Amino acid sequence: MTMDSAPARHTGQGGTGPTGGSAFAPVHPAAARRSATAIHPPRGPRTGQARTALRPRRVRRRGRVLPLLTADALAAVLTATTLPAAALPVLSAAPLLLAALHAQAGLYRPRLAPSALLELPVLAGRSAVLWCSVAAVTAAVDPARAMGWSALITAVCLQVVLACAGRGLANQLQRRAALRWPASALVVGPGAGASAVAAALHGRPEFGLRPVGLADSQAPAEVDGTLPLLSTHEDIRRAVIQNSVGHAVFTRPPEADERTASLVRLFHDHGCRLWLADPAGTAKVTGMRVAHPADQLWGYAVQPLLPRPARPLERWAKRGIDTVLALIALLAAAPVMGLCALAVRVWDGPGVIFRQERVGLYGRPFTLLKFRTLRADAHEAATRWTVAGDRGMSPVGSFLRKSSLDELPQLWNVVRGDMALVGPRPERPFFVAKFSTVHPGYEARHRMPVGITGLAQINGLRGDTSIEDRARFDNHYIDTWSLWQDLWILARTAASFFRFRLGGS
């Protein structure tokens, strides 16, 4: 199996730590630049524990989703009352189906300038799908009550009008609430672009965001002194906490600069909503998809940035599938695991199962289970790499490590909920702290439950391979995650275990 149990090469220089100072003192244009990066300094072995990540608190959507859901449901119910010939059980499912269709179209995404009229084409298309489905099901269940073309067209038109009116009212209520209770926001980006976006937010309170600072790790020489300039990671963190910042507006894609990218995790940990307001148009250059329907911030194209998949139903399905498959795999692998345990006991002495602390979801530690691969007189330290062929390994341990059979007890970690079948490989706390200071984006791997196998492993990134490449593959897996991708990775893993490679990647 392409499971990862060996170290990888890591290169790079650790960043310098944040400097002191207040996060809220306004910065004069002639203020001296502070030399700092958004990367914390490396810690020694005794203090090099992984930083426990905050479980992201739920982001308040300012009451936008519930009014929209209510408006859509009322539109569907009122439309259904005009169709007495239709079957009641079919009509009762119409609001739920409509909500699913609108969610798939992105009609419940957070927006700064919502407009029901701009959403009208999407509303019309989803209404047509809804009532055509209702008509088809009604005709199949009770042909005597089948809807005619005139009734179908009437239902679609009435649904569009009512939904558009209801959403317009909900949007108006949102704008009034935004004016009365604006949320604190940080503008993240360099130079004049960030100052222009901050000025737009300050001058247009209807967007509901009140700028409280400019976050620029490069500290430009010319900056508007009316807002504090936050140039270190610690200053930004302090500003987020003390100002109860709920939104972070990036003026260019976060991945455009490693210092800016490192702030995504900070904002995510504190439950901030992330936006991209792109005055320079770099989103189009980098090929980022613009959200539809289009949103704007006083003429600047803006879209929400979602740092992690927010699909709870699919996450629960992933957990259920992992548990069932792990239990089946444990039963099927029981004879093999018994032989492995016997070989370790006979060849290397007592102590068949090796337990080690690893870092899992949101930086929480857990105890990982493995078959012991070192001799009884050797010790697998928490701060030292071990690989197949290590001098402390017996022939049995080396075979188990090379074949990845030593990972089989981790199926019990999956059943317990510590791990998933597919996800980023878990690492020891010492190395998580070390790699997080060297490789931007490494900490972001903990947005997803760690796994036995993953996208990096099926692409050959196991053993003595690049940590930076692994982190990049892991984050790509999280950003594009789906249940189908998990099944595809498991199929590739099984194929590689039997020395048979499926075509393509």
Protein backbone atom coordinates (compact mmCIF):
# COMPACT_ATOMS: atom_id res chain seq x y z
CA MET A 1 0.00 0.00 0.00
CA THR A 2 1.24 3.51 -0.70
CA MET A 3 1.13 4.56 2.92
CA ASP A 4 3.67 6.96 4.23
CA SER A 5 5.77 5.86 7.14
CA ALA A 6 9.18 7.33 6.39
CA PRO A 7 10.68 10.80 6.55
CA ALA A 8 11.11 13.29 3.81
CA ARG A 9 13.68 15.82 2.84
CA HIS A 10 13.01 19.34 3.99
CA THR A 11 14.86 22.43 2.93
CA GLY A 12 14.47 26.10 3.61
CA GLN A 13 15.23 28.71 6.17
CA GLY A 14 13.21 29.34 9.28
CA GLY A 15 11.54 32.72 9.55
CA THR A 16 12.26 35.33 12.13
CA GLY A 17 9.83 35.84 14.94
CA PRO A 18 7.39 38.70 15.34
CA THR A 19 8.46 41.83 17.05
CA GLY A 20 6.69 43.62 19.83
CA GLY A 21 4.63 46.76 19.74
CA SER A 22 1.01 47.72 19.75
CA ALA A 23 -1.25 46.52 17.00
CA PHE A 24 -3.40 49.60 17.09
CA ALA A 25 -1.15 52.65 17.03
CA PRO A 26 -1.69 54.45 13.70
CA VAL A 27 1.36 54.34 11.49
CA HIS A 28 2.72 57.59 10.13
CA PRO A 29 3.84 57.57 6.47
CA ALA A 30 7.41 58.09 7.62
CA ALA A 31 7.26 55.26 10.17
CA ALA A 32 10.20 52.92 10.19
CA ARG A 33 9.74 49.53 8.66
CA ARG A 34 9.68 46.57 10.97
CA SER A 35 11.68 43.54 9.91
CA ALA A 36 9.52 40.48 10.46
CA THR A 37 7.79 37.72 8.62
CA ALA A 38 4.59 35.83 9.29
CA ILE A 39 6.55 32.72 10.23
CA HIS A 40 7.26 31.89 13.86
CA PRO A 41 10.82 31.00 14.91
CA PRO A 42 11.79 27.35 15.21
CA ARG A 43 11.53 25.83 18.62
CA GLY A 44 13.92 23.46 20.30
CA PRO A 45 13.19 19.80 20.94
CA ARG A 46 11.93 20.44 24.47
CA THR A 47 9.51 23.18 23.45
CA GLY A 48 8.89 22.06 19.91
CA GLN A 49 5.39 20.80 20.44
CA ALA A 50 2.91 21.38 17.66
CA ARG A 51 0.79 24.46 18.16
CA THR A 52 -2.70 23.31 18.99
CA ALA A 53 -4.91 24.78 16.32
CA LEU A 54 -8.12 26.46 17.30
CA ARG A 55 -11.21 24.70 16.11
CA PRO A 56 -12.68 27.23 13.69
CA ARG A 57 -15.63 28.92 15.31
CA ARG A 58 -18.74 29.18 13.23
CA VAL A 59 -18.70 32.29 11.06
CA ARG A 60 -21.74 34.47 11.57
CA ARG A 61 -23.41 35.14 8.23
CA ARG A 62 -25.30 38.13 9.63
CA GLY A 63 -28.65 36.35 9.35
CA ARG A 64 -28.48 36.14 5.56
CA VAL A 65 -29.04 32.43 4.96
CA LEU A 66 -32.11 31.92 7.14
CA PRO A 67 -34.15 34.77 5.59
CA LEU A 68 -33.28 33.52 2.11
CA LEU A 69 -34.25 29.96 3.00
CA THR A 70 -37.52 31.26 4.45
CA ALA A 71 -38.25 33.32 1.33
CA ASP A 72 -37.56 30.37 -0.96
CA ALA A 73 -39.66 27.98 1.12
CA LEU A 74 -42.61 30.42 1.27
CA ALA A 75 -42.41 30.92 -2.51
CA ALA A 76 -42.55 27.16 -3.06
CA VAL A 77 -45.42 26.68 -0.60
CA LEU A 78 -47.49 29.54 -2.02
CA THR A 79 -46.93 28.28 -5.54
CA ALA A 80 -47.97 24.78 -4.50
CA THR A 81 -51.29 26.09 -3.15
CA THR A 82 -52.23 27.14 -6.69
CA LEU A 83 -51.90 23.53 -7.88
CA PRO A 84 -54.75 21.63 -6.22
CA ALA A 85 -54.54 18.81 -8.75
CA ALA A 86 -51.04 17.82 -7.77
CA ALA A 87 -50.29 15.07 -5.23
CA LEU A 88 -49.69 16.46 -1.73
CA PRO A 89 -46.74 14.14 -0.85
CA VAL A 90 -44.89 15.32 -3.94
CA LEU A 91 -45.53 18.99 -3.19
CA SER A 92 -44.34 18.61 0.41
CA ALA A 93 -40.84 17.84 -0.87
CA ALA A 94 -40.73 20.90 -3.15
CA PRO A 95 -39.20 23.35 -0.57
CA LEU A 96 -36.40 20.91 0.27
CA LEU A 97 -35.64 20.24 -3.39
CA LEU A 98 -35.66 23.97 -4.12
CA ALA A 99 -33.22 24.65 -1.25
CA ALA A 100 -30.88 21.95 -2.60
CA LEU A 101 -31.02 23.41 -6.11
CA HIS A 102 -30.32 26.94 -4.86
CA ALA A 103 -27.46 25.76 -2.66
CA GLN A 104 -25.90 23.96 -5.62
CA ALA A 105 -26.13 27.18 -7.64
CA GLY A 106 -24.40 29.18 -4.89
CA LEU A 107 -27.45 31.30 -4.07
CA TYR A 108 -26.78 31.03 -0.33
CA ARG A 109 -23.14 32.10 -0.48
CA PRO A 110 -22.19 35.20 1.50
CA ARG A 111 -22.30 38.37 -0.58
CA LEU A 112 -21.47 42.00 0.02
CA ALA A 113 -23.84 43.45 -2.60
CA PRO A 114 -26.70 40.95 -3.05
CA SER A 115 -29.27 41.60 -5.77
CA ALA A 116 -32.34 39.47 -6.43
CA LEU A 117 -32.65 40.85 -9.97
CA LEU A 118 -29.12 39.73 -10.86
CA GLU A 119 -30.06 36.28 -9.58
CA LEU A 120 -33.23 36.20 -11.69
CA PRO A 121 -31.87 33.97 -14.52
CA VAL A 122 -30.57 31.43 -12.02
CA LEU A 123 -33.85 31.53 -10.07
CA ALA A 124 -35.82 30.94 -13.28
CA GLY A 125 -33.69 27.97 -14.28
CA ARG A 126 -33.93 26.32 -10.84
CA SER A 127 -37.69 26.95 -10.69
CA ALA A 128 -38.13 25.26 -14.06
CA VAL A 129 -36.14 22.25 -12.88
CA LEU A 130 -38.16 22.08 -9.65
CA TRP A 131 -41.62 22.14 -11.15
CA CYS A 132 -40.74 19.96 -14.13
CA SER A 133 -39.50 17.38 -11.63
CA VAL A 134 -42.69 17.72 -9.58
CA ALA A 135 -44.80 17.32 -12.72
CA ALA A 136 -42.87 14.25 -13.84
CA VAL A 137 -43.10 12.54 -10.44
CA THR A 138 -46.80 13.40 -10.12
CA ALA A 139 -47.54 11.96 -13.54
CA ALA A 140 -45.67 8.75 -12.67
CA VAL A 141 -47.32 8.33 -9.25
CA ASP A 142 -50.87 9.43 -10.11
CA PRO A 143 -51.48 9.95 -13.85
CA ALA A 144 -55.00 11.23 -13.13
CA ARG A 145 -53.51 14.31 -11.44
CA ALA A 146 -50.81 15.05 -14.00
CA MET A 147 -50.05 18.74 -14.47
CA GLY A 148 -50.82 20.32 -17.82
CA TRP A 149 -48.48 22.67 -19.68
CA SER A 150 -50.43 25.76 -18.66
CA ALA A 151 -50.31 24.79 -14.98
CA LEU A 152 -46.60 24.03 -15.24
CA ILE A 153 -45.73 27.36 -16.85
CA THR A 154 -47.89 29.20 -14.32
CA ALA A 155 -46.10 27.46 -11.44
CA VAL A 156 -42.67 28.33 -12.81
CA CYS A 157 -43.52 31.99 -13.39
CA LEU A 158 -45.24 32.39 -10.03
CA GLN A 159 -42.31 30.72 -8.26
CA VAL A 160 -39.82 33.09 -9.92
CA VAL A 161 -41.84 36.20 -9.03
CA LEU A 162 -42.40 35.18 -5.41
CA ALA A 163 -38.79 34.05 -4.89
CA CYS A 164 -37.40 37.23 -6.41
CA ALA A 165 -39.71 39.40 -4.26
CA GLY A 166 -38.90 37.47 -1.10
CA ARG A 167 -35.16 37.58 -1.73
CA GLY A 168 -35.34 41.30 -2.49
CA LEU A 169 -36.97 41.90 0.89
CA ALA A 170 -34.37 39.71 2.64
CA ASN A 171 -31.55 41.61 0.93
CA GLN A 172 -33.06 44.94 1.99
CA LEU A 173 -33.20 43.78 5.59
CA GLN A 174 -29.57 42.66 5.34
CA ARG A 175 -28.47 46.07 4.06
CA ARG A 176 -30.24 47.83 6.93
CA ALA A 177 -28.66 45.49 9.46
CA ALA A 178 -25.23 46.06 7.89
CA LEU A 179 -25.63 49.82 8.25
CA ARG A 180 -26.65 49.58 11.89
CA TRP A 181 -24.19 46.89 13.01
CA PRO A 182 -21.09 46.92 10.75
CA ALA A 183 -18.52 44.18 11.29
CA SER A 184 -14.84 44.90 11.91
CA ALA A 185 -12.58 44.03 8.98
CA LEU A 186 -8.89 43.96 8.13
CA VAL A 187 -7.69 44.77 4.62
CA VAL A 188 -4.77 42.51 3.67
CA GLY A 189 -2.44 43.49 0.87
CA PRO A 190 0.37 45.77 -0.21
CA GLY A 191 0.48 49.37 -1.33
CA ALA A 192 -2.17 51.59 -2.81
CA GLY A 193 -4.53 48.73 -3.67
CA ALA A 194 -5.19 47.93 -0.01
CA SER A 195 -5.58 51.63 0.84
CA ALA A 196 -8.12 52.06 -1.98
CA VAL A 197 -10.21 49.10 -0.83
CA ALA A 198 -10.08 50.33 2.76
CA ALA A 199 -11.20 53.78 1.62
CA ALA A 200 -14.11 52.22 -0.30
CA LEU A 201 -15.21 50.29 2.79
CA HIS A 202 -14.90 53.38 4.96
CA GLY A 203 -16.88 55.56 2.56
CA ARG A 204 -19.60 53.01 1.74
CA PRO A 205 -21.01 51.69 5.04
CA GLU A 206 -23.83 49.83 3.24
CA PHE A 207 -21.41 46.98 2.62
CA GLY A 208 -21.40 46.34 6.36
CA LEU A 209 -17.61 46.19 6.83
CA ARG A 210 -15.77 48.70 9.02
CA PRO A 211 -12.00 48.69 8.32
CA VAL A 212 -9.91 48.70 11.50
CA GLY A 213 -6.44 48.19 10.02
CA LEU A 214 -4.20 47.42 7.07
CA ALA A 215 -2.25 44.17 7.21
CA ASP A 216 0.86 44.46 5.05
CA SER A 217 3.89 42.34 5.90
CA GLN A 218 6.07 44.44 3.56
CA ALA A 219 5.20 47.76 5.27
CA PRO A 220 5.14 50.22 2.34
CA ALA A 221 6.68 53.62 2.83
CA GLU A 222 3.50 55.46 1.89
CA VAL A 223 0.36 54.49 3.73
CA ASP A 224 -2.73 56.30 4.94
CA GLY A 225 -2.03 57.20 8.57
CA THR A 226 -5.74 57.08 9.51
CA LEU A 227 -5.62 53.29 9.87
CA PRO A 228 -3.14 51.19 11.86
CA LEU A 229 -0.52 49.39 9.77
CA LEU A 230 -0.02 45.82 10.98
CA SER A 231 3.21 44.40 9.62
CA THR A 232 3.87 41.36 11.84
CA HIS A 233 2.03 38.13 12.40
CA GLU A 234 1.66 38.86 16.12
CA ASP A 235 0.28 42.37 15.53
CA ILE A 236 -2.34 40.97 13.16
CA ARG A 237 -3.32 38.22 15.59
CA ARG A 238 -3.68 40.76 18.41
CA ALA A 239 -5.77 43.04 16.20
CA VAL A 240 -8.09 40.19 15.26
CA ILE A 241 -8.68 39.31 18.91
CA GLN A 242 -8.99 42.81 20.40
CA ASN A 243 -11.18 44.22 17.61
CA SER A 244 -13.32 41.06 17.23
CA VAL A 245 -12.47 41.07 13.54
CA GLY A 246 -14.98 39.00 11.60
CA HIS A 247 -13.81 39.64 8.03
CA ALA A 248 -10.49 39.78 6.19
CA VAL A 249 -10.45 41.38 2.74
CA PHE A 250 -7.49 40.35 0.59
CA THR A 251 -6.53 42.63 -2.28
CA ARG A 252 -4.78 39.86 -4.19
CA PRO A 253 -4.96 36.05 -4.09
CA PRO A 254 -3.45 34.83 -0.80
CA GLU A 255 -1.21 32.33 -2.58
CA ALA A 256 0.49 35.16 -4.48
CA ASP A 257 2.83 35.70 -1.50
CA GLU A 258 3.90 33.19 1.12
CA ARG A 259 3.63 35.75 3.93
CA THR A 260 0.07 36.57 2.94
CA ALA A 261 -0.77 32.89 2.53
CA SER A 262 0.33 32.20 6.11
CA LEU A 263 -2.35 34.63 7.35
CA VAL A 264 -5.15 32.48 5.93
CA ARG A 265 -4.72 29.95 8.72
CA LEU A 266 -4.71 32.71 11.37
CA PHE A 267 -7.96 34.22 10.09
CA HIS A 268 -9.53 30.79 9.66
CA ASP A 269 -8.65 29.78 13.23
CA HIS A 270 -10.42 32.89 14.55
CA GLY A 271 -13.52 32.33 12.45
CA CYS A 272 -13.06 35.24 10.05
CA ARG A 273 -14.88 35.37 6.75
CA LEU A 274 -12.35 35.74 3.91
CA TRP A 275 -12.92 37.85 0.80
CA LEU A 276 -10.93 38.65 -2.30
CA ALA A 277 -11.42 42.20 -3.59
CA ASP A 278 -9.01 42.33 -6.49
CA PRO A 279 -8.23 45.90 -7.63
CA ALA A 280 -5.27 44.80 -9.77
CA GLY A 281 -7.15 42.03 -11.59
CA THR A 282 -4.64 39.35 -10.54
CA ALA A 283 -7.45 36.85 -9.98
CA LYS A 284 -8.07 36.81 -13.72
CA VAL A 285 -4.36 36.45 -14.43
CA THR A 286 -3.98 33.49 -12.07
CA GLY A 287 -7.11 31.82 -13.42
CA MET A 288 -9.15 31.94 -10.20
CA ARG A 289 -12.84 31.35 -10.80
CA VAL A 290 -15.04 34.36 -10.17
CA ALA A 291 -18.12 33.56 -8.10
CA HIS A 292 -21.49 33.57 -9.86
CA PRO A 293 -23.71 35.53 -9.50
CA ALA A 294 -21.08 38.26 -9.61
CA ASP A 295 -20.48 40.30 -6.47
CA GLN A 296 -18.80 43.68 -6.13
CA LEU A 297 -17.41 46.08 -3.57
CA TRP A 298 -17.87 49.62 -4.91
CA GLY A 299 -16.77 48.50 -8.36
CA TYR A 300 -14.11 46.02 -7.24
CA ALA A 301 -14.88 42.42 -8.16
CA VAL A 302 -15.20 40.49 -4.92
CA GLN A 303 -15.74 36.85 -4.06
CA PRO A 304 -15.70 34.79 -0.86
CA LEU A 305 -12.64 32.69 -0.17
CA LEU A 306 -13.41 29.37 1.49
CA PRO A 307 -10.25 27.92 3.08
CA ARG A 308 -11.83 24.56 3.79
CA PRO A 309 -14.70 22.52 2.37
CA ALA A 310 -17.93 23.35 4.20
CA ARG A 311 -20.03 20.32 3.31
CA PRO A 312 -21.13 18.70 6.58
CA LEU A 313 -23.35 16.06 4.97
CA GLU A 314 -20.51 14.79 2.80
CA ARG A 315 -18.14 14.91 5.79
CA TRP A 316 -20.52 12.71 7.77
CA ALA A 317 -20.78 10.38 4.79
CA LYS A 318 -16.99 10.24 4.63
CA ARG A 319 -16.84 9.33 8.32
CA GLY A 320 -19.45 6.60 7.88
CA ILE A 321 -17.73 5.11 4.84
CA ASP A 322 -14.35 5.19 6.61
CA THR A 323 -15.75 3.37 9.64
CA VAL A 324 -17.46 0.64 7.61
CA LEU A 325 -14.49 0.08 5.29
CA ALA A 326 -12.01 0.11 8.20
CA LEU A 327 -14.04 -2.54 10.07
CA ILE A 328 -14.23 -4.70 6.95
CA ALA A 329 -10.50 -4.24 6.34
CA LEU A 330 -9.70 -5.18 9.95
CA LEU A 331 -11.63 -8.42 9.61
CA ALA A 332 -10.08 -9.23 6.24
CA ALA A 333 -6.55 -8.38 7.38
CA ALA A 334 -6.82 -10.18 10.73
CA PRO A 335 -4.81 -13.25 9.56
CA VAL A 336 -2.08 -11.05 8.07
CA MET A 337 -1.95 -8.89 11.18
CA GLY A 338 -1.69 -12.02 13.31
CA LEU A 339 1.30 -13.23 11.29
CA CYS A 340 2.94 -9.80 11.50
CA ALA A 341 2.46 -9.70 15.27
CA LEU A 342 3.89 -13.20 15.64
CA ALA A 343 6.93 -12.34 13.51
CA VAL A 344 7.64 -9.18 15.54
CA ARG A 345 7.26 -11.06 18.83
CA VAL A 346 9.52 -13.94 17.80
CA TRP A 347 12.20 -11.91 16.02
CA ASP A 348 12.29 -8.65 18.01
CA GLY A 349 10.94 -9.60 21.43
CA PRO A 350 7.94 -8.38 23.46
CA GLY A 351 6.05 -5.21 22.70
CA VAL A 352 4.36 -5.87 19.37
CA ILE A 353 2.35 -2.63 19.11
CA PHE A 354 4.18 0.69 19.00
CA ARG A 355 2.32 3.81 20.17
CA GLN A 356 3.36 7.32 19.25
CA GLU A 357 1.84 10.79 19.55
CA ARG A 358 0.85 12.36 16.23
CA VAL A 359 -0.97 15.55 15.25
CA GLY A 360 -4.45 15.22 13.78
CA LEU A 361 -7.41 17.39 12.82
CA TYR A 362 -7.10 21.06 13.93
CA GLY A 363 -3.73 20.27 15.50
CA ARG A 364 -5.14 17.94 18.16
CA PRO A 365 -2.75 15.18 19.28
CA PHE A 366 -3.71 11.51 19.25
CA THR A 367 -1.98 8.14 19.79
CA LEU A 368 -1.09 6.40 16.54
CA LEU A 369 -0.77 2.60 16.48
CA LYS A 370 1.81 0.68 14.46
CA PHE A 371 3.59 -2.64 14.51
CA ARG A 372 6.99 -2.14 16.11
CA THR A 373 9.73 -2.09 13.49
CA LEU A 374 12.78 -1.46 15.70
CA ARG A 375 14.52 -4.00 17.87
CA ALA A 376 13.58 -4.20 21.52
CA ASP A 377 16.80 -2.41 22.53
CA ALA A 378 16.22 0.45 20.05
CA HIS A 379 14.01 3.45 20.60
CA GLU A 380 12.05 5.41 17.98
CA ALA A 381 12.53 8.94 19.21
CA ALA A 382 9.95 11.66 18.78
CA THR A 383 12.58 13.96 17.20
CA ARG A 384 14.51 11.57 14.92
CA TRP A 385 13.59 10.21 11.50
CA THR A 386 13.55 6.45 11.01
CA VAL A 387 13.45 4.76 7.62
CA ALA A 388 13.45 1.26 6.24
CA GLY A 389 17.04 0.07 6.46
CA ASP A 390 17.74 1.94 9.69
CA ARG A 391 20.48 0.24 11.72
CA GLY A 392 18.08 -0.28 14.59
CA MET A 393 15.72 -2.32 12.43
CA SER A 394 15.64 -6.07 12.22
CA PRO A 395 14.94 -7.80 8.90
CA VAL A 396 11.31 -8.24 9.98
CA GLY A 397 10.98 -4.56 10.87
CA SER A 398 12.57 -3.49 7.60
CA PHE A 399 10.17 -5.72 5.63
CA LEU A 400 7.16 -4.38 7.50
CA ARG A 401 8.28 -0.80 6.90
CA LYS A 402 9.00 -1.29 3.19
CA SER A 403 5.70 -3.11 2.59
CA SER A 404 3.73 -0.67 4.81
CA LEU A 405 2.28 -3.64 6.71
CA ASP A 406 3.36 -1.90 9.91
CA GLU A 407 0.55 0.61 9.25
CA LEU A 408 -2.28 -1.95 9.47
CA PRO A 409 -3.08 -1.24 13.17
CA GLN A 410 -3.98 2.29 12.09
CA LEU A 411 -7.26 0.84 10.82
CA TRP A 412 -8.25 0.85 14.49
CA ASN A 413 -7.34 4.56 14.64
CA VAL A 414 -9.82 5.05 11.80
CA VAL A 415 -12.55 3.17 13.67
CA ARG A 416 -11.90 5.26 16.79
CA GLY A 417 -12.18 8.48 14.77
CA ASP A 418 -8.56 9.62 15.19
CA MET A 419 -7.90 9.25 11.46
CA ALA A 420 -9.58 8.72 8.11
CA LEU A 421 -8.70 6.25 5.38
CA VAL A 422 -7.72 9.11 3.06
CA GLY A 423 -6.11 12.35 4.16
CA PRO A 424 -2.77 14.03 4.87
CA ARG A 425 -0.35 11.76 6.68
CA PRO A 426 -0.03 12.58 10.42
CA GLU A 427 3.33 13.69 11.75
CA ARG A 428 4.96 13.93 15.17
CA PRO A 429 4.45 17.21 17.09
CA PHE A 430 8.15 18.11 16.97
CA PHE A 431 8.27 17.92 13.18
CA VAL A 432 4.91 19.64 12.73
CA ALA A 433 6.27 22.63 14.67
CA LYS A 434 9.51 22.51 12.69
CA PHE A 435 8.00 22.17 9.23
CA SER A 436 5.37 24.84 9.95
CA THR A 437 8.15 27.40 10.39
CA VAL A 438 9.88 26.41 7.14
CA HIS A 439 7.18 25.45 4.65
CA PRO A 440 4.27 27.89 4.09
CA GLY A 441 0.98 26.05 4.02
CA TYR A 442 2.16 23.08 6.06
CA GLU A 443 -0.13 23.90 8.99
CA ALA A 444 -3.09 24.17 6.61
CA ARG A 445 -2.91 20.40 6.12
CA HIS A 446 -4.70 20.01 9.45
CA ARG A 447 -7.93 21.40 8.05
CA MET A 448 -8.83 17.81 7.17
CA PRO A 449 -8.68 14.59 9.20
CA VAL A 450 -5.32 12.87 8.73
CA GLY A 451 -5.34 9.59 6.83
CA ILE A 452 -3.61 6.29 6.21
CA THR A 453 -3.09 7.11 2.55
CA GLY A 454 -3.51 10.24 0.47
CA LEU A 455 -2.99 12.08 -2.79
CA ALA A 456 0.69 12.69 -2.06
CA GLN A 457 1.33 9.00 -1.37
CA ILE A 458 -0.25 7.69 -4.57
CA ASN A 459 1.92 10.15 -6.50
CA GLY A 460 5.07 8.62 -5.03
CA LEU A 461 5.67 11.19 -2.29
CA ARG A 462 6.56 8.79 0.49
CA GLY A 463 9.86 7.91 2.04
CA ASP A 464 12.72 10.34 1.40
CA THR A 465 10.77 12.91 -0.62
CA SER A 466 10.08 16.64 -0.41
CA ILE A 467 8.00 17.94 2.51
CA GLU A 468 7.09 20.99 0.43
CA ASP A 469 5.71 18.78 -2.36
CA ARG A 470 3.76 16.72 0.14
CA ALA A 471 2.18 19.81 1.69
CA ARG A 472 1.24 21.10 -1.75
CA PHE A 473 -0.45 17.81 -2.72
CA ASP A 474 -2.21 17.59 0.66
CA ASN A 475 -3.62 21.11 0.39
CA HIS A 476 -4.72 20.47 -3.19
CA TYR A 477 -6.52 17.35 -2.00
CA ILE A 478 -8.33 19.35 0.70
CA ASP A 479 -9.27 22.18 -1.67
CA THR A 480 -10.70 19.76 -4.27
CA TRP A 481 -12.00 17.13 -1.86
CA SER A 482 -14.93 14.91 -2.77
CA LEU A 483 -16.13 11.44 -1.84
CA TRP A 484 -15.36 10.25 -5.34
CA GLN A 485 -11.77 11.46 -5.02
CA ASP A 486 -11.44 9.44 -1.79
CA LEU A 487 -12.64 6.28 -3.51
CA TRP A 488 -10.28 6.94 -6.43
CA ILE A 489 -7.31 7.32 -4.06
CA LEU A 490 -8.25 4.11 -2.24
CA ALA A 491 -8.41 2.28 -5.59
CA ARG A 492 -4.99 3.62 -6.56
CA THR A 493 -3.63 2.62 -3.15
CA ALA A 494 -4.93 -0.95 -3.50
CA ALA A 495 -3.54 -1.18 -7.03
CA SER A 496 -0.08 -0.06 -5.95
CA PHE A 497 -0.11 -2.54 -3.08
CA PHE A 498 -0.42 -5.37 -5.57
CA ARG A 499 2.22 -3.78 -7.82
CA PHE A 500 -0.45 -2.93 -10.38
CA ARG A 501 -0.90 0.68 -11.46
CA LEU A 502 -4.16 2.02 -12.79
CA GLY A 503 -3.79 4.35 -15.74
CA GLY A 504 -3.60 8.11 -15.33
CA SER A 505 -3.56 10.27 -12.25
